[in-house]
Amino acid sequence: MNYFLAAQTEVGLKKNCNQDSVILKRAKFKGREVCLGVICDGMGGLSCGEFASKSIVEAVSDWFLHQYSRYSDVWNESQMRTDFINILSSENEGLLYYGKEHGIYLGTTITAILLSDNKFFVCHVGDTRLYKISAAGMAQLTKDHTVIAREIAEGKLSIKDAKSDPRRNVLLQCIGATKDVNPDIFCGEVKSGDILLLCSDGFRHEISEKEILKAIKGCDNSKLNERLRALIDLNLKRREQDNISVALIKVK
């Protein structure tokens, strides 16, 4: 299988710097195409969030170039799981140390996906999201590690009330803020025409899944970047204050 990639990012209306970090990479490995997508949403004063998210993106990118490329086969779920746990553990320790040394708070979410043929591998911490858009519609594949998501799951809060709840940005875990990080790691399958969409929380606060699906499903590849930009502009029109980032991988 082959993959088409598109991404857009925007600093937004309030912040002075973009604390989101996004990468999309494609490579030939043993005659087969593989694809990596990562989105991180950093947090912290001044440029600290930018530093945190960028450090994770660079660590995963380095793994893709220097470790994954040495795998004996393109798909080794056990090794990928081990590698990602090690990456996040190391980066978490480094960011914790950096924060303590400089007397600052910083951290970042991560949603990462690796695709090979019709299979994908996901590693996730925080409230950045991965969606799958297919013939069946649009489905959220990741679970938010937030107070709000936990309250909804426990039946203590309705989805309607969650939209205006002041705790909607409170994370239960992220990389760099707590001693231990427990990522969600899972695998799945895709078919030709499916789209995997990664986004920061700023992309989804002011627009609906229905609007995202309408803009992207069935869209010609040459117009996907334009559609992503239009969705970001719609967020800005509705006064979204956060950084806004989105990336997609379309299976061809």
Protein backbone atom coordinates (compact mmCIF):
# COMPACT_ATOMS: atom_id res chain seq x y z
CA MET A 1 0.00 0.00 0.00
CA ASN A 2 0.95 3.65 -0.48
CA TYR A 3 0.07 6.71 1.56
CA PHE A 4 -0.84 10.33 0.84
CA LEU A 5 0.11 12.86 3.54
CA ALA A 6 -1.26 16.29 4.44
CA ALA A 7 -0.86 18.59 7.45
CA GLN A 8 -1.61 22.12 8.63
CA THR A 9 -0.79 24.01 11.83
CA GLU A 10 -1.69 27.45 13.19
CA VAL A 11 -0.58 29.41 16.25
CA GLY A 12 -4.14 30.61 16.87
CA LEU A 13 -5.60 33.83 18.25
CA LYS A 14 -4.11 34.01 21.74
CA LYS A 15 -0.68 32.41 22.08
CA ASN A 16 2.59 33.96 20.96
CA CYS A 17 4.18 30.66 19.96
CA ASN A 18 2.98 27.37 18.55
CA GLN A 19 3.45 24.66 21.18
CA ASP A 20 2.15 21.94 18.85
CA SER A 21 4.66 19.82 16.95
CA VAL A 22 3.78 17.65 13.96
CA ILE A 23 5.73 15.28 11.70
CA LEU A 24 4.75 13.06 8.81
CA LYS A 25 7.36 10.76 7.27
CA ARG A 26 7.23 8.24 4.48
CA ALA A 27 9.96 5.76 3.53
CA LYS A 28 10.64 2.61 1.53
CA PHE A 29 11.65 -0.29 3.76
CA LYS A 30 12.49 -3.67 2.27
CA GLY A 31 10.56 -2.72 -0.88
CA ARG A 32 7.42 -1.68 1.05
CA GLU A 33 6.20 1.78 1.92
CA VAL A 34 5.96 2.69 5.60
CA CYS A 35 4.61 5.87 7.13
CA LEU A 36 5.02 7.65 10.48
CA GLY A 37 2.79 10.36 11.87
CA VAL A 38 3.24 12.14 15.22
CA ILE A 39 1.40 15.04 16.83
CA CYS A 40 2.34 16.53 20.22
CA ASP A 41 0.68 19.36 22.13
CA GLY A 42 3.09 21.00 24.55
CA MET A 43 2.29 22.94 27.68
CA GLY A 44 4.30 25.26 29.89
CA GLY A 45 5.26 28.94 30.16
CA LEU A 46 6.88 30.86 27.31
CA SER A 47 8.63 28.41 24.96
CA CYS A 48 8.63 25.47 27.40
CA GLY A 49 5.69 23.71 25.79
CA GLU A 50 7.28 24.12 22.38
CA PHE A 51 10.51 22.62 23.73
CA ALA A 52 8.67 19.66 25.27
CA SER A 53 6.62 18.77 22.18
CA LYS A 54 9.56 19.24 19.83
CA SER A 55 11.78 16.99 21.93
CA ILE A 56 9.29 14.10 21.70
CA VAL A 57 8.75 14.53 17.96
CA GLU A 58 12.50 14.55 17.39
CA ALA A 59 13.00 11.45 19.56
CA VAL A 60 10.39 9.47 17.61
CA SER A 61 11.77 10.74 14.30
CA ASP A 62 15.27 9.62 15.31
CA TRP A 63 13.90 6.19 16.22
CA PHE A 64 12.25 5.89 12.80
CA LEU A 65 15.48 6.78 11.02
CA HIS A 66 18.03 4.94 13.14
CA GLN A 67 16.33 2.08 15.00
CA TYR A 68 13.20 1.08 13.13
CA SER A 69 15.18 1.10 9.89
CA ARG A 70 17.34 -1.69 11.33
CA TYR A 71 14.41 -4.01 12.07
CA SER A 72 14.67 -7.37 10.33
CA ASP A 73 11.04 -6.97 9.20
CA VAL A 74 8.79 -3.95 8.67
CA TRP A 75 6.31 -5.19 11.28
CA ASN A 76 7.46 -6.24 14.74
CA GLU A 77 4.73 -5.26 17.18
CA SER A 78 6.58 -6.48 20.26
CA GLN A 79 9.72 -4.52 19.41
CA MET A 80 7.76 -1.36 18.53
CA ARG A 81 5.93 -1.54 21.85
CA THR A 82 9.21 -1.90 23.73
CA ASP A 83 10.87 0.90 21.79
CA PHE A 84 8.03 3.39 22.31
CA ILE A 85 7.78 2.66 26.02
CA ASN A 86 11.53 3.24 26.29
CA ILE A 87 11.36 6.47 24.28
CA LEU A 88 8.56 7.92 26.41
CA SER A 89 10.18 6.81 29.65
CA SER A 90 13.48 8.41 28.70
CA GLU A 91 11.89 11.63 27.44
CA ASN A 92 9.66 11.85 30.51
CA GLU A 93 12.67 11.55 32.80
CA GLY A 94 14.57 14.16 30.80
CA LEU A 95 11.73 16.68 30.83
CA LEU A 96 11.12 16.16 34.56
CA TYR A 97 14.81 16.82 35.23
CA TYR A 98 14.84 19.87 32.97
CA GLY A 99 11.77 21.30 34.71
CA LYS A 100 13.22 20.81 38.19
CA GLU A 101 16.59 22.29 37.20
CA HIS A 102 14.97 25.42 35.77
CA GLY A 103 12.09 25.71 38.22
CA ILE A 104 9.45 25.45 35.52
CA TYR A 105 6.47 23.28 34.61
CA LEU A 106 6.38 21.72 31.16
CA GLY A 107 4.96 18.67 29.46
CA THR A 108 3.47 17.34 26.27
CA THR A 109 0.91 14.93 24.91
CA ILE A 110 1.69 12.51 22.08
CA THR A 111 -0.29 10.60 19.52
CA ALA A 112 1.93 8.59 17.17
CA ILE A 113 1.04 6.15 14.41
CA LEU A 114 3.15 3.87 12.24
CA LEU A 115 1.60 2.26 9.14
CA SER A 116 2.86 -0.63 7.06
CA ASP A 117 0.69 -2.28 4.41
CA ASN A 118 -2.82 -2.55 5.93
CA LYS A 119 -1.71 -2.45 9.59
CA PHE A 120 -1.11 0.40 12.01
CA PHE A 121 0.52 0.76 15.42
CA VAL A 122 -0.47 3.57 17.82
CA CYS A 123 1.11 5.05 20.95
CA HIS A 124 -0.92 7.68 22.82
CA VAL A 125 -0.70 9.85 25.95
CA GLY A 126 -2.92 12.85 26.71
CA ASP A 127 -5.70 14.48 24.71
CA THR A 128 -4.35 14.76 21.21
CA ARG A 129 -6.46 12.40 19.13
CA LEU A 130 -6.43 9.86 16.33
CA TYR A 131 -9.55 9.38 14.20
CA LYS A 132 -10.24 6.88 11.46
CA ILE A 133 -12.36 8.00 8.53
CA SER A 134 -13.71 5.13 6.45
CA ALA A 135 -16.79 4.05 4.52
CA ALA A 136 -18.47 3.51 7.90
CA GLY A 137 -17.92 7.14 8.92
CA MET A 138 -15.62 8.77 11.47
CA ALA A 139 -14.46 7.02 14.64
CA GLN A 140 -12.24 8.24 17.47
CA LEU A 141 -9.58 5.58 18.08
CA THR A 142 -7.77 7.13 21.05
CA LYS A 143 -9.14 7.81 24.52
CA ASP A 144 -8.51 11.21 26.13
CA HIS A 145 -6.47 11.07 29.32
CA THR A 146 -8.44 13.92 30.89
CA VAL A 147 -10.56 14.54 33.97
CA ILE A 148 -13.54 15.24 31.71
CA ALA A 149 -13.20 11.97 29.77
CA ARG A 150 -12.99 10.05 33.04
CA GLU A 151 -16.09 11.80 34.41
CA ILE A 152 -18.04 11.00 31.24
CA ALA A 153 -16.93 7.35 31.31
CA GLU A 154 -18.04 7.07 34.95
CA GLY A 155 -21.43 8.60 34.18
CA LYS A 156 -20.77 11.68 36.30
CA LEU A 157 -20.87 14.19 33.46
CA SER A 158 -22.82 14.50 30.21
CA ILE A 159 -21.15 15.18 26.87
CA LYS A 160 -23.19 18.37 26.58
CA ASP A 161 -22.04 19.69 29.97
CA ALA A 162 -18.45 18.65 29.24
CA LYS A 163 -18.20 21.22 26.44
CA SER A 164 -18.41 24.10 28.91
CA ASP A 165 -16.77 22.44 31.91
CA PRO A 166 -13.77 24.52 33.12
CA ARG A 167 -11.77 21.31 33.65
CA ARG A 168 -11.86 20.26 29.99
CA ASN A 169 -8.11 20.90 29.55
CA VAL A 170 -7.00 19.14 32.75
CA LEU A 171 -4.90 16.10 31.85
CA LEU A 172 -4.59 12.96 33.94
CA GLN A 173 -1.17 12.29 32.45
CA CYS A 174 1.30 13.76 30.00
CA ILE A 175 5.00 13.38 29.29
CA GLY A 176 7.21 15.49 31.56
CA ALA A 177 4.77 16.24 34.39
CA THR A 178 4.60 13.04 36.44
CA LYS A 179 7.07 10.36 37.46
CA ASP A 180 5.30 7.57 35.57
CA VAL A 181 3.74 7.56 32.11
CA ASN A 182 1.42 4.76 30.99
CA PRO A 183 0.75 5.09 27.26
CA ASP A 184 -2.13 3.46 25.46
CA ILE A 185 -0.62 1.19 22.79
CA PHE A 186 -2.76 -0.67 20.27
CA CYS A 187 -2.87 -1.87 16.67
CA GLY A 188 -5.47 -1.95 13.92
CA GLU A 189 -6.09 -2.36 10.22
CA VAL A 190 -6.98 -0.09 7.33
CA LYS A 191 -8.30 -0.47 3.80
CA SER A 192 -7.63 1.48 0.63
CA GLY A 193 -9.36 4.86 0.88
CA ASP A 194 -9.27 5.01 4.69
CA ILE A 195 -7.90 8.15 6.35
CA LEU A 196 -6.09 8.36 9.70
CA LEU A 197 -6.41 11.87 11.13
CA LEU A 198 -4.32 13.18 14.03
CA CYS A 199 -5.16 16.47 15.74
CA SER A 200 -4.45 18.64 18.76
CA ASP A 201 -7.35 19.56 21.02
CA GLY A 202 -7.42 23.06 19.54
CA PHE A 203 -8.56 21.59 16.23
CA ARG A 204 -11.69 19.95 17.63
CA HIS A 205 -13.11 22.31 20.27
CA GLU A 206 -15.06 24.56 17.93
CA ILE A 207 -15.92 22.22 15.04
CA SER A 208 -17.83 18.97 15.00
CA GLU A 209 -16.91 15.51 13.77
CA LYS A 210 -19.71 15.90 11.24
CA GLU A 211 -18.05 19.02 9.80
CA ILE A 212 -14.66 17.31 9.67
CA LEU A 213 -16.13 14.27 7.94
CA LYS A 214 -18.01 16.38 5.39
CA ALA A 215 -14.87 18.34 4.51
CA ILE A 216 -12.53 15.36 4.15
CA LYS A 217 -14.41 12.20 3.17
CA GLY A 218 -14.30 11.64 -0.57
CA CYS A 219 -12.07 14.67 -1.10
CA ASP A 220 -9.55 14.51 -3.95
CA ASN A 221 -5.98 14.15 -2.70
CA SER A 222 -4.92 17.39 -4.38
CA LYS A 223 -7.43 19.33 -2.25
CA LEU A 224 -6.87 17.72 1.16
CA ASN A 225 -4.38 20.32 2.39
CA GLU A 226 -6.81 23.03 1.28
CA ARG A 227 -9.65 21.35 3.21
CA LEU A 228 -7.55 21.05 6.36
CA ARG A 229 -6.70 24.74 6.12
CA ALA A 230 -10.38 25.57 5.68
CA LEU A 231 -11.22 23.65 8.86
CA ILE A 232 -8.53 25.55 10.76
CA ASP A 233 -9.93 28.84 9.42
CA LEU A 234 -13.39 27.77 10.62
CA ASN A 235 -11.93 27.22 14.10
CA LEU A 236 -10.40 30.70 14.02
CA LYS A 237 -13.69 32.20 12.87
CA ARG A 238 -15.32 30.64 15.91
CA ARG A 239 -12.61 32.20 18.13
CA GLU A 240 -10.58 29.13 19.07
CA GLN A 241 -7.81 30.40 21.38
CA ASP A 242 -5.43 27.44 21.38
CA ASN A 243 -2.83 26.32 18.86
CA ILE A 244 -4.51 24.32 16.09
CA SER A 245 -2.84 21.39 14.34
CA VAL A 246 -4.04 18.54 12.15
CA ALA A 247 -2.35 15.86 10.04
CA LEU A 248 -3.73 13.03 7.97
CA ILE A 249 -2.57 9.90 6.24
CA LYS A 250 -4.71 8.58 3.42
CA VAL A 251 -4.29 4.94 2.39
CA LYS A 252 -4.07 4.58 -1.39
